[in-house]
Amino acid sequence: MASRRTDTKKPEPDRAPVKKVRKCLMCRNEFNSSHIGERVCPSCKETSVWRSGGIAA
């Protein structure tokens, strides 16, 4: 009979997360994005348009 493995934990990655340079969807300037969902630069996130939920044209 085959032994059952009780360790179901995934191994930790051996490298740090890589930041990617992306273009901001609001101002089109390049910024370092820490994950794929980060598409607006920190400068644009500080604007009243971003905080109010408005759309930048």
PDB file of N, CA and C in Angstrom:
ATOM      1  N   MET A   1       0.831  -1.169   0.000  1.00  0.00           N
ATOM      2  CA  MET A   1       0.000   0.000   0.000  1.00  0.00           C
ATOM      3  C   MET A   1       0.891   1.252   0.000  1.00  0.00           C
ATOM      4  N   ALA A   2       0.506   2.247  -0.805  1.00  0.00           N
ATOM      5  CA  ALA A   2       1.291   3.486  -0.917  1.00  0.00           C
ATOM      6  C   ALA A   2       1.061   4.362   0.300  1.00  0.00           C
ATOM      7  N   SER A   3       2.126   5.025   0.733  1.00  0.00           N
ATOM      8  CA  SER A   3       1.980   5.915   1.888  1.00  0.00           C
ATOM      9  C   SER A   3       1.343   7.230   1.445  1.00  0.00           C
ATOM     10  N   ARG A   4       0.538   7.773   2.289  1.00  0.00           N
ATOM     11  CA  ARG A   4      -0.136   9.042   2.002  1.00  0.00           C
ATOM     12  C   ARG A   4       0.704  10.207   2.484  1.00  0.00           C
ATOM     13  N   ARG A   5       0.748  11.212   1.690  1.00  0.00           N
ATOM     14  CA  ARG A   5       1.500  12.407   2.060  1.00  0.00           C
ATOM     15  C   ARG A   5       0.595  13.322   2.876  1.00  0.00           C
ATOM     16  N   THR A   6       1.053  13.699   4.049  1.00  0.00           N
ATOM     17  CA  THR A   6       0.235  14.547   4.921  1.00  0.00           C
ATOM     18  C   THR A   6       0.590  16.021   4.792  1.00  0.00           C
ATOM     19  N   ASP A   7       1.724  16.325   4.173  1.00  0.00           N
ATOM     20  CA  ASP A   7       2.139  17.720   4.004  1.00  0.00           C
ATOM     21  C   ASP A   7       1.492  18.278   2.743  1.00  0.00           C
ATOM     22  N   THR A   8       0.492  19.167   2.903  1.00  0.00           N
ATOM     23  CA  THR A   8      -0.207  19.731   1.746  1.00  0.00           C
ATOM     24  C   THR A   8       0.173  21.181   1.502  1.00  0.00           C
ATOM     25  N   LYS A   9       1.125  21.680   2.272  1.00  0.00           N
ATOM     26  CA  LYS A   9       1.545  23.068   2.150  1.00  0.00           C
ATOM     27  C   LYS A   9       2.429  23.251   0.919  1.00  0.00           C
ATOM     28  N   LYS A  10       2.163  24.326   0.159  1.00  0.00           N
ATOM     29  CA  LYS A  10       2.989  24.623  -1.010  1.00  0.00           C
ATOM     30  C   LYS A  10       4.331  25.178  -0.557  1.00  0.00           C
ATOM     31  N   PRO A  11       5.400  24.856  -1.262  1.00  0.00           N
ATOM     32  CA  PRO A  11       6.698  25.416  -0.894  1.00  0.00           C
ATOM     33  C   PRO A  11       6.751  26.915  -1.169  1.00  0.00           C
ATOM     34  N   GLU A  12       7.458  27.637  -0.329  1.00  0.00           N
ATOM     35  CA  GLU A  12       7.610  29.078  -0.488  1.00  0.00           C
ATOM     36  C   GLU A  12       8.503  29.380  -1.690  1.00  0.00           C
ATOM     37  N   PRO A  13       8.177  30.410  -2.474  1.00  0.00           N
ATOM     38  CA  PRO A  13       9.055  30.771  -3.586  1.00  0.00           C
ATOM     39  C   PRO A  13      10.387  31.286  -3.048  1.00  0.00           C
ATOM     40  N   ASP A  14      11.454  31.027  -3.784  1.00  0.00           N
ATOM     41  CA  ASP A  14      12.782  31.401  -3.311  1.00  0.00           C
ATOM     42  C   ASP A  14      13.236  32.755  -3.836  1.00  0.00           C
ATOM     43  N   ARG A  15      12.317  33.516  -4.423  1.00  0.00           N
ATOM     44  CA  ARG A  15      12.702  34.833  -4.922  1.00  0.00           C
ATOM     45  C   ARG A  15      11.686  35.882  -4.492  1.00  0.00           C
ATOM     46  N   ALA A  16      12.157  37.104  -4.430  1.00  0.00           N
ATOM     47  CA  ALA A  16      11.289  38.214  -4.038  1.00  0.00           C
ATOM     48  C   ALA A  16      10.365  38.585  -5.200  1.00  0.00           C
ATOM     49  N   PRO A  17       9.196  39.157  -4.927  1.00  0.00           N
ATOM     50  CA  PRO A  17       8.301  39.580  -6.007  1.00  0.00           C
ATOM     51  C   PRO A  17       8.981  40.634  -6.885  1.00  0.00           C
ATOM     52  N   VAL A  18       8.747  40.527  -8.166  1.00  0.00           N
ATOM     53  CA  VAL A  18       9.368  41.444  -9.120  1.00  0.00           C
ATOM     54  C   VAL A  18       8.406  42.579  -9.413  1.00  0.00           C
ATOM     55  N   LYS A  19       8.893  43.797  -9.318  1.00  0.00           N
ATOM     56  CA  LYS A  19       8.076  44.954  -9.688  1.00  0.00           C
ATOM     57  C   LYS A  19       8.209  45.162 -11.192  1.00  0.00           C
ATOM     58  N   LYS A  20       7.118  45.527 -11.807  1.00  0.00           N
ATOM     59  CA  LYS A  20       7.112  45.731 -13.250  1.00  0.00           C
ATOM     60  C   LYS A  20       6.802  47.192 -13.553  1.00  0.00           C
ATOM     61  N   VAL A  21       7.476  47.723 -14.555  1.00  0.00           N
ATOM     62  CA  VAL A  21       7.212  49.095 -14.976  1.00  0.00           C
ATOM     63  C   VAL A  21       5.977  49.068 -15.865  1.00  0.00           C
ATOM     64  N   ARG A  22       4.957  49.830 -15.467  1.00  0.00           N
ATOM     65  CA  ARG A  22       3.709  49.919 -16.235  1.00  0.00           C
ATOM     66  C   ARG A  22       3.401  51.381 -16.501  1.00  0.00           C
ATOM     67  N   LYS A  23       2.505  51.620 -17.451  1.00  0.00           N
ATOM     68  CA  LYS A  23       2.028  52.974 -17.719  1.00  0.00           C
ATOM     69  C   LYS A  23       0.708  53.165 -16.994  1.00  0.00           C
ATOM     70  N   CYS A  24       0.613  54.284 -16.290  1.00  0.00           N
ATOM     71  CA  CYS A  24      -0.595  54.628 -15.546  1.00  0.00           C
ATOM     72  C   CYS A  24      -1.759  54.804 -16.525  1.00  0.00           C
ATOM     73  N   LEU A  25      -2.922  54.287 -16.165  1.00  0.00           N
ATOM     74  CA  LEU A  25      -4.097  54.406 -17.024  1.00  0.00           C
ATOM     75  C   LEU A  25      -4.675  55.816 -17.035  1.00  0.00           C
ATOM     76  N   MET A  26      -4.281  56.645 -16.068  1.00  0.00           N
ATOM     77  CA  MET A  26      -4.806  58.012 -16.032  1.00  0.00           C
ATOM     78  C   MET A  26      -3.864  59.003 -16.714  1.00  0.00           C
ATOM     79  N   CYS A  27      -2.590  58.993 -16.335  1.00  0.00           N
ATOM     80  CA  CYS A  27      -1.667  60.014 -16.854  1.00  0.00           C
ATOM     81  C   CYS A  27      -0.671  59.472 -17.888  1.00  0.00           C
ATOM     82  N   ARG A  28      -0.635  58.165 -18.051  1.00  0.00           N
ATOM     83  CA  ARG A  28       0.246  57.481 -19.013  1.00  0.00           C
ATOM     84  C   ARG A  28       1.730  57.565 -18.645  1.00  0.00           C
ATOM     85  N   ASN A  29       2.081  58.057 -17.458  1.00  0.00           N
ATOM     86  CA  ASN A  29       3.465  58.050 -17.007  1.00  0.00           C
ATOM     87  C   ASN A  29       3.830  56.656 -16.516  1.00  0.00           C
ATOM     88  N   GLU A  30       5.103  56.311 -16.618  1.00  0.00           N
ATOM     89  CA  GLU A  30       5.556  55.007 -16.152  1.00  0.00           C
ATOM     90  C   GLU A  30       5.746  55.028 -14.639  1.00  0.00           C
ATOM     91  N   PHE A  31       5.435  53.889 -13.999  1.00  0.00           N
ATOM     92  CA  PHE A  31       5.640  53.732 -12.562  1.00  0.00           C
ATOM     93  C   PHE A  31       5.896  52.264 -12.269  1.00  0.00           C
ATOM     94  N   ASN A  32       6.464  51.968 -11.106  1.00  0.00           N
ATOM     95  CA  ASN A  32       6.741  50.593 -10.697  1.00  0.00           C
ATOM     96  C   ASN A  32       5.501  49.989 -10.060  1.00  0.00           C
ATOM     97  N   SER A  33       4.956  48.970 -10.696  1.00  0.00           N
ATOM     98  CA  SER A  33       3.760  48.298 -10.219  1.00  0.00           C
ATOM     99  C   SER A  33       4.168  47.042  -9.453  1.00  0.00           C
ATOM    100  N   SER A  34       3.580  46.839  -8.271  1.00  0.00           N
ATOM    101  CA  SER A  34       3.945  45.679  -7.464  1.00  0.00           C
ATOM    102  C   SER A  34       3.107  44.442  -7.793  1.00  0.00           C
ATOM    103  N   HIS A  35       1.987  44.612  -8.490  1.00  0.00           N
ATOM    104  CA  HIS A  35       1.173  43.463  -8.901  1.00  0.00           C
ATOM    105  C   HIS A  35       0.342  43.848 -10.122  1.00  0.00           C
ATOM    106  N   ILE A  36      -0.232  42.854 -10.783  1.00  0.00           N
ATOM    107  CA  ILE A  36      -0.920  43.067 -12.062  1.00  0.00           C
ATOM    108  C   ILE A  36      -2.143  43.969 -11.932  1.00  0.00           C
ATOM    109  N   GLY A  37      -2.754  44.017 -10.763  1.00  0.00           N
ATOM    110  CA  GLY A  37      -3.939  44.852 -10.582  1.00  0.00           C
ATOM    111  C   GLY A  37      -3.635  46.317 -10.327  1.00  0.00           C
ATOM    112  N   GLU A  38      -2.376  46.640 -10.132  1.00  0.00           N
ATOM    113  CA  GLU A  38      -2.006  48.034  -9.863  1.00  0.00           C
ATOM    114  C   GLU A  38      -1.732  48.726 -11.191  1.00  0.00           C
ATOM    115  N   ARG A  39      -2.685  49.510 -11.657  1.00  0.00           N
ATOM    116  CA  ARG A  39      -2.580  50.151 -12.969  1.00  0.00           C
ATOM    117  C   ARG A  39      -2.652  51.663 -12.924  1.00  0.00           C
ATOM    118  N   VAL A  40      -2.816  52.242 -11.734  1.00  0.00           N
ATOM    119  CA  VAL A  40      -2.856  53.696 -11.573  1.00  0.00           C
ATOM    120  C   VAL A  40      -1.717  54.075 -10.643  1.00  0.00           C
ATOM    121  N   CYS A  41      -0.930  55.066 -11.049  1.00  0.00           N
ATOM    122  CA  CYS A  41       0.260  55.454 -10.276  1.00  0.00           C
ATOM    123  C   CYS A  41      -0.134  56.120  -8.960  1.00  0.00           C
ATOM    124  N   PRO A  42       0.777  56.116  -7.988  1.00  0.00           N
ATOM    125  CA  PRO A  42       0.486  56.741  -6.696  1.00  0.00           C
ATOM    126  C   PRO A  42       0.136  58.224  -6.808  1.00  0.00           C
ATOM    127  N   SER A  43       0.742  58.949  -7.738  1.00  0.00           N
ATOM    128  CA  SER A  43       0.432  60.376  -7.900  1.00  0.00           C
ATOM    129  C   SER A  43      -1.026  60.582  -8.307  1.00  0.00           C
ATOM    130  N   CYS A  44      -1.519  59.768  -9.223  1.00  0.00           N
ATOM    131  CA  CYS A  44      -2.912  59.897  -9.659  1.00  0.00           C
ATOM    132  C   CYS A  44      -3.879  59.441  -8.576  1.00  0.00           C
ATOM    133  N   LYS A  45      -3.460  58.486  -7.747  1.00  0.00           N
ATOM    134  CA  LYS A  45      -4.333  58.035  -6.661  1.00  0.00           C
ATOM    135  C   LYS A  45      -4.532  59.114  -5.609  1.00  0.00           C
ATOM    136  N   GLU A  46      -3.645  60.098  -5.562  1.00  0.00           N
ATOM    137  CA  GLU A  46      -3.779  61.200  -4.612  1.00  0.00           C
ATOM    138  C   GLU A  46      -4.717  62.297  -5.103  1.00  0.00           C
ATOM    139  N   THR A  47      -5.136  62.251  -6.367  1.00  0.00           N
ATOM    140  CA  THR A  47      -5.983  63.308  -6.917  1.00  0.00           C
ATOM    141  C   THR A  47      -7.426  63.170  -6.432  1.00  0.00           C
ATOM    142  N   SER A  48      -8.130  64.293  -6.435  1.00  0.00           N
ATOM    143  CA  SER A  48      -9.533  64.281  -6.011  1.00  0.00           C
ATOM    144  C   SER A  48     -10.397  63.497  -7.001  1.00  0.00           C
ATOM    145  N   VAL A  49     -10.011  63.482  -8.273  1.00  0.00           N
ATOM    146  CA  VAL A  49     -10.772  62.719  -9.283  1.00  0.00           C
ATOM    147  C   VAL A  49     -10.750  61.239  -8.937  1.00  0.00           C
ATOM    148  N   TRP A  50      -9.586  60.710  -8.567  1.00  0.00           N
ATOM    149  CA  TRP A  50      -9.472  59.296  -8.215  1.00  0.00           C
ATOM    150  C   TRP A  50     -10.240  58.994  -6.930  1.00  0.00           C
ATOM    151  N   ARG A  51     -10.091  59.850  -5.934  1.00  0.00           N
ATOM    152  CA  ARG A  51     -10.743  59.600  -4.643  1.00  0.00           C
ATOM    153  C   ARG A  51     -12.256  59.693  -4.736  1.00  0.00           C
ATOM    154  N   SER A  52     -12.769  60.530  -5.662  1.00  0.00           N
ATOM    155  CA  SER A  52     -14.216  60.683  -5.794  1.00  0.00           C
ATOM    156  C   SER A  52     -14.845  59.618  -6.696  1.00  0.00           C
ATOM    157  N   GLY A  53     -13.989  58.836  -7.373  1.00  0.00           N
ATOM    158  CA  GLY A  53     -14.505  57.794  -8.239  1.00  0.00           C
ATOM    159  C   GLY A  53     -14.867  58.278  -9.621  1.00  0.00           C
ATOM    160  N   GLY A  54     -14.473  59.506  -9.962  1.00  0.00           N
ATOM    161  CA  GLY A  54     -14.750  60.050 -11.288  1.00  0.00           C
ATOM    162  C   GLY A  54     -13.853  59.453 -12.355  1.00  0.00           C
ATOM    163  N   ILE A  55     -14.173  59.720 -13.590  1.00  0.00           N
ATOM    164  CA  ILE A  55     -13.391  59.214 -14.721  1.00  0.00           C
ATOM    165  C   ILE A  55     -12.544  60.346 -15.272  1.00  0.00           C
ATOM    166  N   ALA A  56     -11.262  60.082 -15.437  1.00  0.00           N
ATOM    167  CA  ALA A  56     -10.359  61.079 -16.006  1.00  0.00           C
ATOM    168  C   ALA A  56     -10.426  60.988 -17.527  1.00  0.00           C
ATOM    169  N   ALA A  57     -10.579  62.101 -18.184  1.00  0.00           N
ATOM    170  CA  ALA A  57     -10.668  62.113 -19.641  1.00  0.00           C
ATOM    171  C   ALA A  57      -9.328  62.460 -20.248  1.00  0.00           C
TER     172      ALA A  57
END
